[in-house]
Amino acid sequence: MTAAAGRARETSNARWASDAGGGGSLALTIVFAAVIIAAAIVVASAVVAAGARAAAVADSAALAAATAVAGYSDADPCGAAAEVAEANGARLTVCEVHGTAVTVGCETRAGGIWVPATSRAGQPVENRVEP
């Protein structure tokens, strides 16, 4: 082997044995991981917020239905609940009337996920006072 070929081989091996440029790859990996974690936090926050909104809509719909059951409105209890749910951007999934109490279930959409909530309003059946 000639001296020039030996030096070329040493230079080639030295170039690959160096850690130069590894910091850029590490930094890029850390930034990518941070972006993925931030995106997951944003999605989780949106679902939690949609759950709170669904609970608020279910509460409002249940109160509207209980108002109708109590006779303060001429509307159908489940119709009133559906109207309130739709007005708040949700859909009514359950409406059950139990004497003077009403159980209502609603769903709101967070991205592509439907987030459910249930609420109950009215006088409890066991404490109901007959007029």
Foldseek 3Di string as FASTA:
>chain_A
DDPVVVVVVVVVVVVVVDCPPVVVVVVVVVVVVVVVVVVVVVLVVLLVVQQVLQQVLQVVLQVQLLCVLVPVDVDHSNVSSQVSQVVSQWGWDDWDDDRSKIKTKIWHDRPPDTHIDIDMDGDDPVPDDDD
